[in-house]
PDB file of all heavy atoms in Angstrom:
ATOM      1  N   VAL A   1       0.770  -1.243  -0.049  1.00  0.00           N
ATOM      2  CA  VAL A   1      -0.078  -0.011  -0.056  1.00  0.00           C
ATOM      3  C   VAL A   1       0.829   1.283   0.008  1.00  0.00           C
ATOM      4  O   VAL A   1       0.331   2.412  -0.318  1.00  0.00           O
ATOM      5  CB  VAL A   1      -1.039   0.070   1.267  1.00  0.00           C
ATOM      6  CG1 VAL A   1      -1.989  -1.097   1.057  1.00  0.00           C
ATOM      7  CG2 VAL A   1      -0.185  -0.094   2.520  1.00  0.00           C
ATOM      8  N   HIS A   2       2.137   1.088   0.413  1.00  0.00           N
ATOM      9  CA  HIS A   2       3.031   2.242   0.371  1.00  0.00           C
ATOM     10  C   HIS A   2       3.410   2.649  -1.065  1.00  0.00           C
ATOM     11  O   HIS A   2       3.901   3.846  -1.174  1.00  0.00           O
ATOM     12  CB  HIS A   2       4.315   1.962   1.205  1.00  0.00           C
ATOM     13  CG  HIS A   2       5.079   0.826   0.600  1.00  0.00           C
ATOM     14  ND1 HIS A   2       4.689  -0.468   0.744  1.00  0.00           N
ATOM     15  CD2 HIS A   2       6.272   0.815  -0.010  1.00  0.00           C
ATOM     16  CE1 HIS A   2       5.624  -1.262   0.077  1.00  0.00           C
ATOM     17  NE2 HIS A   2       6.574  -0.491  -0.291  1.00  0.00           N
ATOM     18  N   LEU A   3       3.213   1.846  -2.005  1.00  0.00           N
ATOM     19  CA  LEU A   3       3.504   2.210  -3.430  1.00  0.00           C
ATOM     20  C   LEU A   3       2.401   2.909  -4.107  1.00  0.00           C
ATOM     21  O   LEU A   3       1.191   2.615  -3.826  1.00  0.00           O
ATOM     22  CB  LEU A   3       3.877   1.006  -4.224  1.00  0.00           C
ATOM     23  CG  LEU A   3       5.050   0.102  -3.706  1.00  0.00           C
ATOM     24  CD1 LEU A   3       5.146  -1.157  -4.586  1.00  0.00           C
ATOM     25  CD2 LEU A   3       6.286   0.888  -3.682  1.00  0.00           C
ATOM     26  N   ASN A   4       2.817   3.912  -4.946  1.00  0.00           N
ATOM     27  CA  ASN A   4       1.713   4.584  -5.735  1.00  0.00           C
ATOM     28  C   ASN A   4       1.222   3.696  -6.895  1.00  0.00           C
ATOM     29  O   ASN A   4       1.773   2.586  -7.169  1.00  0.00           O
ATOM     30  CB  ASN A   4       2.103   5.979  -6.174  1.00  0.00           C
ATOM     31  CG  ASN A   4       3.330   5.964  -7.181  1.00  0.00           C
ATOM     32  OD1 ASN A   4       3.371   5.112  -8.096  1.00  0.00           O
ATOM     33  ND2 ASN A   4       4.251   6.858  -6.985  1.00  0.00           N
ATOM     34  N   VAL A   5       0.215   4.092  -7.631  1.00  0.00           N
ATOM     35  CA  VAL A   5      -0.361   3.243  -8.695  1.00  0.00           C
ATOM     36  C   VAL A   5       0.666   2.916  -9.770  1.00  0.00           C
ATOM     37  O   VAL A   5       0.720   1.802 -10.199  1.00  0.00           O
ATOM     38  CB  VAL A   5      -1.499   4.011  -9.312  1.00  0.00           C
ATOM     39  CG1 VAL A   5      -2.110   3.275 -10.577  1.00  0.00           C
ATOM     40  CG2 VAL A   5      -2.614   4.173  -8.377  1.00  0.00           C
ATOM     41  N   PHE A   6       1.471   4.035 -10.164  1.00  0.00           N
ATOM     42  CA  PHE A   6       2.423   3.677 -11.226  1.00  0.00           C
ATOM     43  C   PHE A   6       3.555   2.700 -10.776  1.00  0.00           C
ATOM     44  O   PHE A   6       4.041   1.908 -11.560  1.00  0.00           O
ATOM     45  CB  PHE A   6       3.164   5.058 -11.577  1.00  0.00           C
ATOM     46  CG  PHE A   6       2.064   5.971 -12.271  1.00  0.00           C
ATOM     47  CD1 PHE A   6       1.633   7.070 -11.538  1.00  0.00           C
ATOM     48  CD2 PHE A   6       1.562   5.664 -13.618  1.00  0.00           C
ATOM     49  CE1 PHE A   6       0.851   7.980 -12.190  1.00  0.00           C
ATOM     50  CE2 PHE A   6       0.678   6.522 -14.050  1.00  0.00           C
ATOM     51  CZ  PHE A   6       0.238   7.703 -13.458  1.00  0.00           C
ATOM     52  N   GLU A   7       3.967   2.826  -9.470  1.00  0.00           N
ATOM     53  CA  GLU A   7       4.860   1.922  -9.005  1.00  0.00           C
ATOM     54  C   GLU A   7       4.376   0.506  -8.959  1.00  0.00           C
ATOM     55  O   GLU A   7       5.083  -0.474  -9.228  1.00  0.00           O
ATOM     56  CB  GLU A   7       5.346   2.339  -7.582  1.00  0.00           C
ATOM     57  CG  GLU A   7       6.229   3.625  -7.606  1.00  0.00           C
ATOM     58  CD  GLU A   7       6.485   4.244  -6.256  1.00  0.00           C
ATOM     59  OE1 GLU A   7       5.704   3.973  -5.278  1.00  0.00           O
ATOM     60  OE2 GLU A   7       7.411   4.946  -6.194  1.00  0.00           O
ATOM     61  N   ARG A   8       3.130   0.332  -8.540  1.00  0.00           N
ATOM     62  CA  ARG A   8       2.475  -1.021  -8.558  1.00  0.00           C
ATOM     63  C   ARG A   8       2.405  -1.545  -9.964  1.00  0.00           C
ATOM     64  O   ARG A   8       2.603  -2.758 -10.261  1.00  0.00           O
ATOM     65  CB  ARG A   8       1.106  -0.950  -7.806  1.00  0.00           C
ATOM     66  CG  ARG A   8       1.111  -0.502  -6.485  1.00  0.00           C
ATOM     67  CD  ARG A   8      -0.285  -0.353  -5.929  1.00  0.00           C
ATOM     68  NE  ARG A   8      -0.319   0.455  -4.765  1.00  0.00           N
ATOM     69  CZ  ARG A   8      -1.441   0.756  -4.073  1.00  0.00           C
ATOM     70  NH1 ARG A   8      -2.627   0.403  -4.605  1.00  0.00           N
ATOM     71  NH2 ARG A   8      -1.395   1.490  -2.907  1.00  0.00           N
ATOM     72  N   LEU A   9       2.069  -0.781 -10.964  1.00  0.00           N
ATOM     73  CA  LEU A   9       1.982  -1.238 -12.340  1.00  0.00           C
ATOM     74  C   LEU A   9       3.316  -1.573 -12.854  1.00  0.00           C
ATOM     75  O   LEU A   9       3.506  -2.564 -13.548  1.00  0.00           O
ATOM     76  CB  LEU A   9       1.455  -0.031 -13.263  1.00  0.00           C
ATOM     77  CG  LEU A   9      -0.082   0.345 -13.073  1.00  0.00           C
ATOM     78  CD1 LEU A   9      -0.284   1.578 -13.789  1.00  0.00           C
ATOM     79  CD2 LEU A   9      -0.947  -0.792 -13.549  1.00  0.00           C
ATOM     80  N   TRP A  10       4.363  -0.875 -12.521  1.00  0.00           N
ATOM     81  CA  TRP A  10       5.732  -1.161 -12.872  1.00  0.00           C
ATOM     82  C   TRP A  10       6.201  -2.488 -12.268  1.00  0.00           C
ATOM     83  O   TRP A  10       6.596  -3.437 -12.994  1.00  0.00           O
ATOM     84  CB  TRP A  10       6.602  -0.009 -12.357  1.00  0.00           C
ATOM     85  CG  TRP A  10       8.035  -0.161 -12.654  1.00  0.00           C
ATOM     86  CD1 TRP A  10       9.013  -1.003 -11.972  1.00  0.00           C
ATOM     87  CD2 TRP A  10       8.795   0.599 -13.687  1.00  0.00           C
ATOM     88  NE1 TRP A  10      10.250  -0.804 -12.557  1.00  0.00           N
ATOM     89  CE2 TRP A  10      10.080   0.082 -13.575  1.00  0.00           C
ATOM     90  CE3 TRP A  10       8.452   1.382 -14.776  1.00  0.00           C
ATOM     91  CZ2 TRP A  10      11.176   0.614 -14.416  1.00  0.00           C
ATOM     92  CZ3 TRP A  10       9.320   1.828 -15.581  1.00  0.00           C
ATOM     93  CH2 TRP A  10      10.720   1.370 -15.408  1.00  0.00           C
ATOM     94  N   ALA A  11       6.012  -2.706 -10.935  1.00  0.00           N
ATOM     95  CA  ALA A  11       6.421  -3.909 -10.265  1.00  0.00           C
ATOM     96  C   ALA A  11       5.603  -5.138 -10.775  1.00  0.00           C
ATOM     97  O   ALA A  11       6.190  -6.174 -10.929  1.00  0.00           O
ATOM     98  CB  ALA A  11       6.203  -3.683  -8.710  1.00  0.00           C
ATOM     99  N   SER A  12       4.347  -4.823 -11.051  1.00  0.00           N
ATOM    100  CA  SER A  12       3.484  -6.019 -11.505  1.00  0.00           C
ATOM    101  C   SER A  12       3.919  -6.394 -12.915  1.00  0.00           C
ATOM    102  O   SER A  12       3.947  -7.595 -13.237  1.00  0.00           O
ATOM    103  CB  SER A  12       2.017  -5.453 -11.609  1.00  0.00           C
ATOM    104  OG  SER A  12       1.583  -5.141 -10.388  1.00  0.00           O
ATOM    105  N   TRP A  13       4.445  -5.526 -13.743  1.00  0.00           N
ATOM    106  CA  TRP A  13       5.045  -5.848 -15.090  1.00  0.00           C
ATOM    107  C   TRP A  13       6.189  -6.849 -14.999  1.00  0.00           C
ATOM    108  O   TRP A  13       6.220  -7.848 -15.638  1.00  0.00           O
ATOM    109  CB  TRP A  13       5.296  -4.648 -15.889  1.00  0.00           C
ATOM    110  CG  TRP A  13       6.165  -4.887 -17.112  1.00  0.00           C
ATOM    111  CD1 TRP A  13       7.399  -4.558 -17.363  1.00  0.00           C
ATOM    112  CD2 TRP A  13       5.554  -5.506 -18.262  1.00  0.00           C
ATOM    113  NE1 TRP A  13       7.785  -4.874 -18.651  1.00  0.00           N
ATOM    114  CE2 TRP A  13       6.799  -5.596 -19.217  1.00  0.00           C
ATOM    115  CE3 TRP A  13       4.380  -6.083 -18.720  1.00  0.00           C
ATOM    116  CZ2 TRP A  13       6.668  -6.134 -20.515  1.00  0.00           C
ATOM    117  CZ3 TRP A  13       4.322  -6.607 -20.008  1.00  0.00           C
ATOM    118  CH2 TRP A  13       5.429  -6.653 -20.870  1.00  0.00           C
ATOM    119  N   TYR A  14       7.171  -6.413 -14.085  1.00  0.00           N
ATOM    120  CA  TYR A  14       8.337  -7.366 -13.963  1.00  0.00           C
ATOM    121  C   TYR A  14       7.924  -8.702 -13.381  1.00  0.00           C
ATOM    122  O   TYR A  14       8.556  -9.666 -13.598  1.00  0.00           O
ATOM    123  CB  TYR A  14       9.304  -6.613 -13.122  1.00  0.00           C
ATOM    124  CG  TYR A  14      10.237  -5.625 -13.856  1.00  0.00           C
ATOM    125  CD1 TYR A  14       9.881  -4.248 -13.999  1.00  0.00           C
ATOM    126  CD2 TYR A  14      11.331  -5.916 -14.626  1.00  0.00           C
ATOM    127  CE1 TYR A  14      10.568  -3.281 -14.722  1.00  0.00           C
ATOM    128  CE2 TYR A  14      12.029  -5.147 -15.386  1.00  0.00           C
ATOM    129  CZ  TYR A  14      11.665  -3.812 -15.412  1.00  0.00           C
ATOM    130  OH  TYR A  14      12.462  -2.931 -16.152  1.00  0.00           O
ATOM    131  N   ALA A  15       6.945  -8.633 -12.360  1.00  0.00           N
ATOM    132  CA  ALA A  15       6.570  -9.928 -11.695  1.00  0.00           C
ATOM    133  C   ALA A  15       5.868 -10.788 -12.780  1.00  0.00           C
ATOM    134  O   ALA A  15       5.972 -11.922 -12.732  1.00  0.00           O
ATOM    135  CB  ALA A  15       5.724  -9.505 -10.473  1.00  0.00           C
ATOM    136  N   TYR A  16       5.104 -10.142 -13.619  1.00  0.00           N
ATOM    137  CA  TYR A  16       4.385 -10.781 -14.677  1.00  0.00           C
ATOM    138  C   TYR A  16       5.282 -11.573 -15.590  1.00  0.00           C
ATOM    139  O   TYR A  16       5.164 -12.728 -16.039  1.00  0.00           O
ATOM    140  CB  TYR A  16       3.291  -9.950 -15.330  1.00  0.00           C
ATOM    141  CG  TYR A  16       2.586 -10.619 -16.532  1.00  0.00           C
ATOM    142  CD1 TYR A  16       1.735 -11.548 -16.336  1.00  0.00           C
ATOM    143  CD2 TYR A  16       2.955 -10.194 -17.864  1.00  0.00           C
ATOM    144  CE1 TYR A  16       1.058 -12.221 -17.303  1.00  0.00           C
ATOM    145  CE2 TYR A  16       2.396 -10.854 -18.876  1.00  0.00           C
ATOM    146  CZ  TYR A  16       1.369 -11.782 -18.725  1.00  0.00           C
ATOM    147  OH  TYR A  16       0.831 -12.358 -19.750  1.00  0.00           O
ATOM    148  N   MET A  17       6.249 -10.812 -16.108  1.00  0.00           N
ATOM    149  CA  MET A  17       7.193 -11.314 -17.115  1.00  0.00           C
ATOM    150  C   MET A  17       8.174 -12.413 -16.552  1.00  0.00           C
ATOM    151  O   MET A  17       8.673 -13.335 -17.261  1.00  0.00           O
ATOM    152  CB  MET A  17       8.059 -10.160 -17.678  1.00  0.00           C
ATOM    153  CG  MET A  17       7.201  -9.096 -18.440  1.00  0.00           C
ATOM    154  SD  MET A  17       6.454  -9.892 -19.854  1.00  0.00           S
ATOM    155  CE  MET A  17       7.809 -10.467 -20.753  1.00  0.00           C
ATOM    156  N   GLN A  18       8.462 -12.262 -15.348  1.00  0.00           N
ATOM    157  CA  GLN A  18       9.363 -13.321 -14.595  1.00  0.00           C
ATOM    158  C   GLN A  18      10.809 -13.306 -15.396  1.00  0.00           C
ATOM    159  O   GLN A  18      11.483 -14.299 -15.275  1.00  0.00           O
ATOM    160  CB  GLN A  18       8.666 -14.636 -14.599  1.00  0.00           C
ATOM    161  CG  GLN A  18       7.659 -14.773 -13.630  1.00  0.00           C
ATOM    162  CD  GLN A  18       8.221 -14.676 -12.239  1.00  0.00           C
ATOM    163  OE1 GLN A  18       8.885 -15.539 -11.772  1.00  0.00           O
ATOM    164  NE2 GLN A  18       7.696 -13.592 -11.441  1.00  0.00           N
ATOM    165  N   ASN A  19      11.059 -12.284 -16.058  1.00  0.00           N
ATOM    166  CA  ASN A  19      12.353 -12.226 -16.813  1.00  0.00           C
ATOM    167  C   ASN A  19      12.748 -10.703 -16.972  1.00  0.00           C
ATOM    168  O   ASN A  19      12.071 -10.004 -17.778  1.00  0.00           O
ATOM    169  CB  ASN A  19      12.317 -12.898 -18.136  1.00  0.00           C
ATOM    170  CG  ASN A  19      13.679 -12.880 -18.854  1.00  0.00           C
ATOM    171  OD1 ASN A  19      14.385 -11.908 -18.908  1.00  0.00           O
ATOM    172  ND2 ASN A  19      14.002 -14.089 -19.383  1.00  0.00           N
ATOM    173  N   ASP A  20      13.594 -10.230 -16.134  1.00  0.00           N
ATOM    174  CA  ASP A  20      13.861  -8.758 -16.075  1.00  0.00           C
ATOM    175  C   ASP A  20      14.460  -8.268 -17.454  1.00  0.00           C
ATOM    176  O   ASP A  20      14.136  -7.108 -17.911  1.00  0.00           O
ATOM    177  CB  ASP A  20      14.776  -8.396 -14.896  1.00  0.00           C
ATOM    178  CG  ASP A  20      14.126  -8.408 -13.585  1.00  0.00           C
ATOM    179  OD1 ASP A  20      12.846  -8.781 -13.638  1.00  0.00           O
ATOM    180  OD2 ASP A  20      14.794  -8.208 -12.706  1.00  0.00           O
ATOM    181  N   VAL A  21      15.317  -9.070 -18.076  1.00  0.00           N
ATOM    182  CA  VAL A  21      15.873  -8.721 -19.337  1.00  0.00           C
ATOM    183  C   VAL A  21      14.857  -8.558 -20.515  1.00  0.00           C
ATOM    184  O   VAL A  21      14.713  -7.508 -21.187  1.00  0.00           O
ATOM    185  CB  VAL A  21      16.896  -9.721 -19.841  1.00  0.00           C
ATOM    186  CG1 VAL A  21      17.347  -9.378 -21.214  1.00  0.00           C
ATOM    187  CG2 VAL A  21      18.117  -9.712 -18.858  1.00  0.00           C
ATOM    188  N   LEU A  22      13.905  -9.508 -20.436  1.00  0.00           N
ATOM    189  CA  LEU A  22      12.770  -9.431 -21.454  1.00  0.00           C
ATOM    190  C   LEU A  22      11.868  -8.292 -21.142  1.00  0.00           C
ATOM    191  O   LEU A  22      11.419  -7.576 -22.072  1.00  0.00           O
ATOM    192  CB  LEU A  22      12.010 -10.758 -21.401  1.00  0.00           C
ATOM    193  CG  LEU A  22      11.049 -11.048 -22.603  1.00  0.00           C
ATOM    194  CD1 LEU A  22      11.840 -11.135 -23.923  1.00  0.00           C
ATOM    195  CD2 LEU A  22      10.303 -12.374 -22.374  1.00  0.00           C
ATOM    196  N   ALA A  23      11.538  -8.052 -19.851  1.00  0.00           N
ATOM    197  CA  ALA A  23      10.623  -7.086 -19.497  1.00  0.00           C
ATOM    198  C   ALA A  23      11.119  -5.704 -19.876  1.00  0.00           C
ATOM    199  O   ALA A  23      10.423  -4.917 -20.297  1.00  0.00           O
ATOM    200  CB  ALA A  23      10.302  -7.164 -17.924  1.00  0.00           C
ATOM    201  N   THR A  24      12.330  -5.490 -19.490  1.00  0.00           N
ATOM    202  CA  THR A  24      12.891  -4.204 -19.812  1.00  0.00           C
ATOM    203  C   THR A  24      13.116  -4.016 -21.356  1.00  0.00           C
ATOM    204  O   THR A  24      12.829  -2.973 -21.869  1.00  0.00           O
ATOM    205  CB  THR A  24      14.415  -4.026 -19.160  1.00  0.00           C
ATOM    206  OG1 THR A  24      14.260  -4.084 -17.749  1.00  0.00           O
ATOM    207  CG2 THR A  24      14.981  -2.637 -19.575  1.00  0.00           C
ATOM    208  N   GLY A  25      13.530  -5.071 -21.997  1.00  0.00           N
ATOM    209  CA  GLY A  25      13.639  -5.009 -23.462  1.00  0.00           C
ATOM    210  C   GLY A  25      12.346  -4.664 -24.199  1.00  0.00           C
ATOM    211  O   GLY A  25      12.378  -3.686 -24.972  1.00  0.00           O
ATOM    212  N   ILE A  26      11.277  -5.295 -23.865  1.00  0.00           N
ATOM    213  CA  ILE A  26       9.963  -5.090 -24.533  1.00  0.00           C
ATOM    214  C   ILE A  26       9.551  -3.664 -24.198  1.00  0.00           C
ATOM    215  O   ILE A  26       9.079  -2.940 -25.026  1.00  0.00           O
ATOM    216  CB  ILE A  26       9.037  -6.164 -24.051  1.00  0.00           C
ATOM    217  CG1 ILE A  26       9.272  -7.522 -24.605  1.00  0.00           C
ATOM    218  CG2 ILE A  26       7.516  -5.671 -24.444  1.00  0.00           C
ATOM    219  CD1 ILE A  26       8.419  -8.579 -24.111  1.00  0.00           C
ATOM    220  N   MET A  27       9.588  -3.349 -22.961  1.00  0.00           N
ATOM    221  CA  MET A  27       9.177  -2.018 -22.435  1.00  0.00           C
ATOM    222  C   MET A  27       9.932  -0.868 -23.139  1.00  0.00           C
ATOM    223  O   MET A  27       9.375   0.245 -23.538  1.00  0.00           O
ATOM    224  CB  MET A  27       9.153  -1.843 -20.889  1.00  0.00           C
ATOM    225  CG  MET A  27       8.653  -0.564 -20.309  1.00  0.00           C
ATOM    226  SD  MET A  27       8.202  -0.701 -18.619  1.00  0.00           S
ATOM    227  CE  MET A  27       9.812  -1.216 -17.956  1.00  0.00           C
ATOM    228  N   SER A  28      11.255  -1.094 -23.257  1.00  0.00           N
ATOM    229  CA  SER A  28      12.061   0.047 -23.848  1.00  0.00           C
ATOM    230  C   SER A  28      11.811   0.092 -25.346  1.00  0.00           C
ATOM    231  O   SER A  28      11.557   1.289 -25.810  1.00  0.00           O
ATOM    232  CB  SER A  28      13.654  -0.433 -23.710  1.00  0.00           C
ATOM    233  OG  SER A  28      13.872  -0.449 -22.315  1.00  0.00           O
ATOM    234  N   PHE A  29      11.641  -0.936 -25.964  1.00  0.00           N
ATOM    235  CA  PHE A  29      11.500  -0.867 -27.497  1.00  0.00           C
ATOM    236  C   PHE A  29      10.066  -0.332 -27.926  1.00  0.00           C
ATOM    237  O   PHE A  29       9.939   0.500 -28.686  1.00  0.00           O
ATOM    238  CB  PHE A  29      11.614  -2.201 -28.148  1.00  0.00           C
ATOM    239  CG  PHE A  29      11.633  -2.164 -29.675  1.00  0.00           C
ATOM    240  CD1 PHE A  29      12.663  -1.678 -30.349  1.00  0.00           C
ATOM    241  CD2 PHE A  29      10.587  -2.798 -30.385  1.00  0.00           C
ATOM    242  CE1 PHE A  29      12.654  -1.598 -31.738  1.00  0.00           C
ATOM    243  CE2 PHE A  29      10.520  -2.645 -31.784  1.00  0.00           C
ATOM    244  CZ  PHE A  29      11.553  -2.148 -32.444  1.00  0.00           C
ATOM    245  N   VAL A  30       9.097  -0.762 -27.135  1.00  0.00           N
ATOM    246  CA  VAL A  30       7.759  -0.364 -27.415  1.00  0.00           C
ATOM    247  C   VAL A  30       7.657   1.136 -27.132  1.00  0.00           C
ATOM    248  O   VAL A  30       6.975   1.858 -27.850  1.00  0.00           O
ATOM    249  CB  VAL A  30       6.737  -1.145 -26.620  1.00  0.00           C
ATOM    250  CG1 VAL A  30       5.331  -0.453 -26.667  1.00  0.00           C
ATOM    251  CG2 VAL A  30       6.549  -2.638 -27.148  1.00  0.00           C
ATOM    252  N   MET A  31       8.294   1.603 -25.960  1.00  0.00           N
ATOM    253  CA  MET A  31       8.238   2.975 -25.631  1.00  0.00           C
ATOM    254  C   MET A  31       8.842   3.834 -26.690  1.00  0.00           C
ATOM    255  O   MET A  31       8.308   4.903 -27.196  1.00  0.00           O
ATOM    256  CB  MET A  31       8.936   3.173 -24.341  1.00  0.00           C
ATOM    257  CG  MET A  31       8.983   4.616 -23.799  1.00  0.00           C
ATOM    258  SD  MET A  31      10.459   5.032 -22.777  1.00  0.00           S
ATOM    259  CE  MET A  31      11.849   4.912 -23.915  1.00  0.00           C
ATOM    260  N   HIS A  32       9.969   3.286 -27.199  1.00  0.00           N
ATOM    261  CA  HIS A  32      10.657   4.180 -28.212  1.00  0.00           C
ATOM    262  C   HIS A  32       9.787   4.258 -29.500  1.00  0.00           C
ATOM    263  O   HIS A  32       9.762   5.283 -30.169  1.00  0.00           O
ATOM    264  CB  HIS A  32      12.030   3.369 -28.588  1.00  0.00           C
ATOM    265  CG  HIS A  32      12.866   4.144 -29.571  1.00  0.00           C
ATOM    266  ND1 HIS A  32      12.756   4.092 -30.861  1.00  0.00           N
ATOM    267  CD2 HIS A  32      13.794   5.241 -29.343  1.00  0.00           C
ATOM    268  CE1 HIS A  32      13.534   4.873 -31.494  1.00  0.00           C
ATOM    269  NE2 HIS A  32      14.192   5.560 -30.659  1.00  0.00           N
ATOM    270  N   GLU A  33       9.295   3.182 -29.893  1.00  0.00           N
ATOM    271  CA  GLU A  33       8.506   3.155 -31.172  1.00  0.00           C
ATOM    272  C   GLU A  33       7.135   4.061 -31.035  1.00  0.00           C
ATOM    273  O   GLU A  33       6.863   4.796 -31.881  1.00  0.00           O
ATOM    274  CB  GLU A  33       8.134   1.711 -31.635  1.00  0.00           C
ATOM    275  CG  GLU A  33       9.328   0.874 -31.944  1.00  0.00           C
ATOM    276  CD  GLU A  33      10.260   1.499 -32.846  1.00  0.00           C
ATOM    277  OE1 GLU A  33       9.970   1.616 -34.024  1.00  0.00           O
ATOM    278  OE2 GLU A  33      11.412   1.929 -32.516  1.00  0.00           O
ATOM    279  N   VAL A  34       6.513   3.921 -29.997  1.00  0.00           N
ATOM    280  CA  VAL A  34       5.270   4.627 -29.678  1.00  0.00           C
ATOM    281  C   VAL A  34       5.604   6.095 -29.752  1.00  0.00           C
ATOM    282  O   VAL A  34       4.832   6.879 -30.213  1.00  0.00           O
ATOM    283  CB  VAL A  34       4.590   4.107 -28.401  1.00  0.00           C
ATOM    284  CG1 VAL A  34       3.449   5.132 -28.065  1.00  0.00           C
ATOM    285  CG2 VAL A  34       4.094   2.708 -28.544  1.00  0.00           C
ATOM    286  N   VAL A  35       6.550   6.451 -28.857  1.00  0.00           N
ATOM    287  CA  VAL A  35       6.968   7.858 -28.756  1.00  0.00           C
ATOM    288  C   VAL A  35       7.403   8.480 -30.073  1.00  0.00           C
ATOM    289  O   VAL A  35       6.937   9.509 -30.519  1.00  0.00           O
ATOM    290  CB  VAL A  35       7.945   8.110 -27.714  1.00  0.00           C
ATOM    291  CG1 VAL A  35       8.483   9.557 -27.595  1.00  0.00           C
ATOM    292  CG2 VAL A  35       7.431   7.775 -26.226  1.00  0.00           C
ATOM    293  N   TYR A  36       8.282   7.754 -30.771  1.00  0.00           N
ATOM    294  CA  TYR A  36       8.967   8.255 -31.950  1.00  0.00           C
ATOM    295  C   TYR A  36       7.790   8.510 -33.081  1.00  0.00           C
ATOM    296  O   TYR A  36       7.761   9.678 -33.563  1.00  0.00           O
ATOM    297  CB  TYR A  36       9.906   7.318 -32.538  1.00  0.00           C
ATOM    298  CG  TYR A  36      10.726   7.983 -33.695  1.00  0.00           C
ATOM    299  CD1 TYR A  36      11.782   8.818 -33.519  1.00  0.00           C
ATOM    300  CD2 TYR A  36      10.406   7.629 -34.924  1.00  0.00           C
ATOM    301  CE1 TYR A  36      12.490   9.453 -34.553  1.00  0.00           C
ATOM    302  CE2 TYR A  36      11.112   8.204 -36.077  1.00  0.00           C
ATOM    303  CZ  TYR A  36      12.129   9.119 -35.868  1.00  0.00           C
ATOM    304  OH  TYR A  36      12.814   9.668 -36.881  1.00  0.00           O
ATOM    305  N   PHE A  37       7.059   7.484 -33.314  1.00  0.00           N
ATOM    306  CA  PHE A  37       6.109   7.689 -34.479  1.00  0.00           C
ATOM    307  C   PHE A  37       4.845   8.412 -33.972  1.00  0.00           C
ATOM    308  O   PHE A  37       4.214   9.164 -34.678  1.00  0.00           O
ATOM    309  CB  PHE A  37       5.640   6.400 -35.003  1.00  0.00           C
ATOM    310  CG  PHE A  37       6.814   5.685 -35.780  1.00  0.00           C
ATOM    311  CD1 PHE A  37       7.619   4.626 -35.294  1.00  0.00           C
ATOM    312  CD2 PHE A  37       7.150   6.049 -37.110  1.00  0.00           C
ATOM    313  CE1 PHE A  37       8.595   4.114 -35.975  1.00  0.00           C
ATOM    314  CE2 PHE A  37       8.150   5.562 -37.847  1.00  0.00           C
ATOM    315  CZ  PHE A  37       8.924   4.566 -37.272  1.00  0.00           C
TER     316      PHE A  37
END
C-alpha cells in the first residue's frame, strides 16, 4: 500500500514477465516506437 499506482503497475509488469531482461527490453522498444512515431 506504500507504493503509488504507477509503482504498482511497474512492479507488476516485472513480476508478470518473470524475466527482467525481457521485461525491460519489451518496455524499452515499445516505448521508443510509440513515442517516436
